[in-house]
């Protein structure tokens, strides 16, 4: 370990294999990661629609009147899940590329995180960028709409 690397836990390969450490917990394993799309909310919407239909059918066949309240609540939740099931059309790597083109300095390190905005939970990539010099002299924050790929607002830049 050099003086520039942060301290970390290292488990020797033979020990990890003997203890059957799962691959997803192996800190040495690298690979692509795909952020899950908010379109998965459609599955929840179908579950709520089914529950609402079952509650309405139960209320119609003589179950307590409170079942109508449950049916309406499930149907409202289903509608909200359908309205918030945005497609994640821009991947993390595309967001990093678009953000790098939006700032005025050559980019070194960068990272992106998704946040959700508004009552319909529209996905927005927050991309943090650092200049390519060592140590970085500039940093910036760029917001990328994860549905359309457009840069939202003016990129924020500052000198460190």
Foldseek 3Di string as FASTA:
>chain_A
DDPPDDDDDDDDPVRCVVVVPDPVPHPVDDDDDWDDALLVLLVVLVVLQVQLVVLVVVVVVPDDPCSPVSSVVSNVSSVLSVLLRAGQQATFVNLQVLVCVQDDAHWDDKGWDWFFDDSSGFIKIWMKTFHNDVPTQKIKIWIARRRPRDTPDHIDMDTD
